[in-house]
């Protein structure tokens, strides 16, 4: 069986409100649930693909600075 995770995640959230998406992201991070990482990755992919170069640099700065500090 071949599962397309991207399509599945997008389909699961296509009718969700911003609040519902926010709650899902927040609870996934709070619960530190590794199973939710692919879904968060899909959200990040959407963010990245729809960001301009300035926004991408800001995202990279945030990630890089927090990696150096060893914090999540």
N, C-alpha and C. Protein backbone atom coordinates (compact mmCIF):
# COMPACT_ATOMS: atom_id res chain seq x y z
N UNK A 1 0.85 -1.18 0.00
CA UNK A 1 0.00 0.00 0.00
C UNK A 1 0.89 1.24 0.00
N UNK A 2 0.60 2.19 -0.88
CA UNK A 2 1.37 3.42 -1.02
C UNK A 2 0.54 4.59 -0.48
N UNK A 3 1.04 5.22 0.56
CA UNK A 3 0.33 6.34 1.18
C UNK A 3 1.08 7.63 0.85
N UNK A 4 0.36 8.60 0.33
CA UNK A 4 0.93 9.92 0.06
C UNK A 4 0.65 10.79 1.28
N UNK A 5 1.67 10.94 2.13
CA UNK A 5 1.50 11.66 3.40
C UNK A 5 1.10 13.11 3.15
N UNK A 6 1.73 13.75 2.18
CA UNK A 6 1.40 15.16 1.89
C UNK A 6 -0.08 15.32 1.57
N UNK A 7 -0.55 14.49 0.62
CA UNK A 7 -1.96 14.59 0.23
C UNK A 7 -2.88 14.29 1.40
N UNK A 8 -2.51 13.31 2.20
CA UNK A 8 -3.33 12.94 3.35
C UNK A 8 -3.42 14.07 4.36
N UNK A 9 -2.30 14.69 4.69
CA UNK A 9 -2.27 15.81 5.64
C UNK A 9 -3.08 16.98 5.09
N UNK A 10 -2.84 17.33 3.83
CA UNK A 10 -3.56 18.45 3.23
C UNK A 10 -5.05 18.17 3.20
N UNK A 11 -5.42 16.96 2.84
CA UNK A 11 -6.84 16.59 2.81
C UNK A 11 -7.46 16.68 4.20
N UNK A 12 -6.72 16.25 5.23
CA UNK A 12 -7.23 16.28 6.60
C UNK A 12 -7.46 17.70 7.11
N UNK A 13 -6.70 18.65 6.59
CA UNK A 13 -6.78 20.02 7.10
C UNK A 13 -7.40 21.02 6.12
N UNK A 14 -7.83 20.56 4.95
CA UNK A 14 -8.29 21.50 3.92
C UNK A 14 -9.48 22.36 4.35
N UNK A 15 -10.31 21.85 5.22
CA UNK A 15 -11.47 22.62 5.68
C UNK A 15 -11.29 23.18 7.09
N UNK A 16 -10.07 23.11 7.61
CA UNK A 16 -9.80 23.57 8.98
C UNK A 16 -9.65 25.08 9.04
N UNK A 17 -10.07 25.65 10.15
CA UNK A 17 -9.87 27.08 10.39
C UNK A 17 -8.44 27.31 10.86
N UNK A 18 -8.04 28.57 10.87
CA UNK A 18 -6.71 28.92 11.39
C UNK A 18 -6.57 28.48 12.84
N UNK A 19 -7.64 28.65 13.62
CA UNK A 19 -7.59 28.25 15.03
C UNK A 19 -7.39 26.74 15.17
N UNK A 20 -8.06 25.97 14.32
CA UNK A 20 -7.90 24.52 14.38
C UNK A 20 -6.49 24.09 13.98
N UNK A 21 -5.94 24.74 12.97
CA UNK A 21 -4.56 24.44 12.57
C UNK A 21 -3.59 24.83 13.68
N UNK A 22 -3.81 26.00 14.27
CA UNK A 22 -2.99 26.45 15.38
C UNK A 22 -3.05 25.46 16.54
N UNK A 23 -4.25 25.02 16.88
CA UNK A 23 -4.40 24.06 17.98
C UNK A 23 -3.68 22.75 17.68
N UNK A 24 -3.75 22.31 16.44
CA UNK A 24 -3.09 21.07 16.05
C UNK A 24 -1.57 21.21 16.16
N UNK A 25 -1.04 22.30 15.66
CA UNK A 25 0.40 22.54 15.74
C UNK A 25 0.83 22.65 17.20
N UNK A 26 0.11 23.45 17.97
CA UNK A 26 0.47 23.66 19.38
C UNK A 26 0.42 22.37 20.18
N UNK A 27 -0.62 21.57 19.98
CA UNK A 27 -0.74 20.34 20.75
C UNK A 27 0.32 19.32 20.32
N UNK A 28 0.65 19.29 19.03
CA UNK A 28 1.70 18.39 18.55
C UNK A 28 3.04 18.72 19.20
N UNK A 29 3.34 20.00 19.29
CA UNK A 29 4.61 20.43 19.90
C UNK A 29 4.57 20.19 21.41
N UNK A 30 3.47 20.54 22.05
CA UNK A 30 3.35 20.39 23.50
C UNK A 30 3.48 18.92 23.92
N UNK A 31 2.85 18.03 23.16
CA UNK A 31 2.86 16.62 23.51
C UNK A 31 4.16 15.93 23.09
N UNK A 32 5.00 16.65 22.33
CA UNK A 32 6.29 16.12 21.89
C UNK A 32 6.12 14.76 21.21
N UNK A 33 5.07 14.66 20.40
CA UNK A 33 4.69 13.41 19.75
C UNK A 33 5.42 13.26 18.42
N UNK A 34 6.33 12.29 18.34
CA UNK A 34 7.11 12.09 17.12
C UNK A 34 6.24 11.70 15.93
N UNK A 35 5.09 11.12 16.17
CA UNK A 35 4.19 10.69 15.09
C UNK A 35 3.70 11.90 14.30
N UNK A 36 3.62 13.05 14.94
CA UNK A 36 3.10 14.25 14.27
C UNK A 36 4.16 14.98 13.43
N UNK A 37 5.42 14.56 13.53
CA UNK A 37 6.48 15.26 12.79
C UNK A 37 6.25 15.30 11.28
N UNK A 38 5.78 14.23 10.64
CA UNK A 38 5.51 14.35 9.19
C UNK A 38 4.47 15.43 8.87
N UNK A 39 3.44 15.54 9.69
CA UNK A 39 2.42 16.57 9.47
C UNK A 39 2.99 17.96 9.63
N UNK A 40 3.82 18.14 10.65
CA UNK A 40 4.47 19.43 10.85
C UNK A 40 5.41 19.73 9.69
N UNK A 41 6.04 18.69 9.16
CA UNK A 41 6.90 18.86 8.00
C UNK A 41 6.13 19.33 6.77
N UNK A 42 4.91 18.82 6.60
CA UNK A 42 4.07 19.25 5.49
C UNK A 42 3.69 20.72 5.67
N UNK A 43 3.35 21.10 6.90
CA UNK A 43 3.04 22.51 7.17
C UNK A 43 4.26 23.38 6.86
N UNK A 44 5.46 22.92 7.26
CA UNK A 44 6.67 23.68 7.00
C UNK A 44 6.93 23.78 5.49
N UNK A 45 6.70 22.69 4.77
CA UNK A 45 6.89 22.71 3.33
C UNK A 45 5.98 23.75 2.67
N UNK A 46 4.74 23.81 3.11
CA UNK A 46 3.79 24.81 2.58
C UNK A 46 4.29 26.22 2.90
N UNK A 47 4.73 26.42 4.14
CA UNK A 47 5.27 27.72 4.55
C UNK A 47 6.46 28.11 3.69
N UNK A 48 7.39 27.18 3.52
CA UNK A 48 8.61 27.46 2.77
C UNK A 48 8.31 27.79 1.31
N UNK A 49 7.47 26.98 0.68
CA UNK A 49 7.16 27.18 -0.73
C UNK A 49 6.42 28.48 -0.99
N UNK A 50 5.77 29.01 0.02
CA UNK A 50 4.97 30.22 -0.16
C UNK A 50 5.58 31.44 0.52
N UNK A 51 6.86 31.35 0.85
CA UNK A 51 7.58 32.48 1.47
C UNK A 51 8.49 33.13 0.44
N UNK A 52 8.63 34.44 0.55
CA UNK A 52 9.59 35.11 -0.32
C UNK A 52 10.99 34.97 0.29
N UNK A 53 11.99 35.49 -0.39
CA UNK A 53 13.37 35.31 0.06
C UNK A 53 13.63 35.95 1.42
N UNK A 54 13.01 37.08 1.71
CA UNK A 54 13.18 37.73 3.01
C UNK A 54 12.61 36.85 4.12
N UNK A 55 11.42 36.32 3.90
CA UNK A 55 10.80 35.44 4.89
C UNK A 55 11.62 34.16 5.08
N UNK A 56 12.16 33.61 3.99
CA UNK A 56 12.99 32.41 4.10
C UNK A 56 14.24 32.69 4.92
N UNK A 57 14.85 33.85 4.71
CA UNK A 57 16.04 34.19 5.50
C UNK A 57 15.70 34.33 6.98
N UNK A 58 14.54 34.90 7.27
CA UNK A 58 14.09 35.02 8.65
C UNK A 58 13.88 33.64 9.28
N UNK A 59 13.24 32.74 8.54
CA UNK A 59 13.03 31.37 9.02
C UNK A 59 14.36 30.70 9.27
N UNK A 60 15.29 30.84 8.32
CA UNK A 60 16.61 30.22 8.47
C UNK A 60 17.37 30.79 9.67
N UNK A 61 17.26 32.10 9.90
CA UNK A 61 17.91 32.72 11.06
C UNK A 61 17.35 32.15 12.36
N UNK A 62 16.04 32.02 12.44
CA UNK A 62 15.41 31.48 13.65
C UNK A 62 15.88 30.05 13.89
N UNK A 63 15.85 29.23 12.84
CA UNK A 63 16.27 27.83 12.98
C UNK A 63 17.74 27.75 13.35
N UNK A 64 18.58 28.47 12.62
CA UNK A 64 20.02 28.44 12.85
C UNK A 64 20.38 28.90 14.27
N UNK A 65 19.80 30.01 14.70
CA UNK A 65 20.09 30.53 16.05
C UNK A 65 19.67 29.55 17.13
N UNK A 66 18.54 28.90 16.95
CA UNK A 66 18.07 27.96 17.96
C UNK A 66 18.85 26.65 17.94
N UNK A 67 19.35 26.26 16.79
CA UNK A 67 20.21 25.07 16.70
C UNK A 67 21.51 25.32 17.45
N UNK A 68 22.07 26.51 17.26
CA UNK A 68 23.32 26.86 17.93
C UNK A 68 23.15 26.88 19.44
N UNK A 69 21.99 27.32 19.89
CA UNK A 69 21.69 27.38 21.32
C UNK A 69 21.28 26.02 21.86
N UNK A 70 21.01 25.09 20.96
CA UNK A 70 20.59 23.75 21.36
C UNK A 70 19.20 23.72 21.94
N UNK A 71 18.38 24.68 21.56
CA UNK A 71 17.03 24.75 22.12
C UNK A 71 15.99 24.47 21.06
N UNK A 72 14.91 23.95 21.52
CA UNK A 72 13.75 23.73 20.65
C UNK A 72 12.60 24.49 21.24
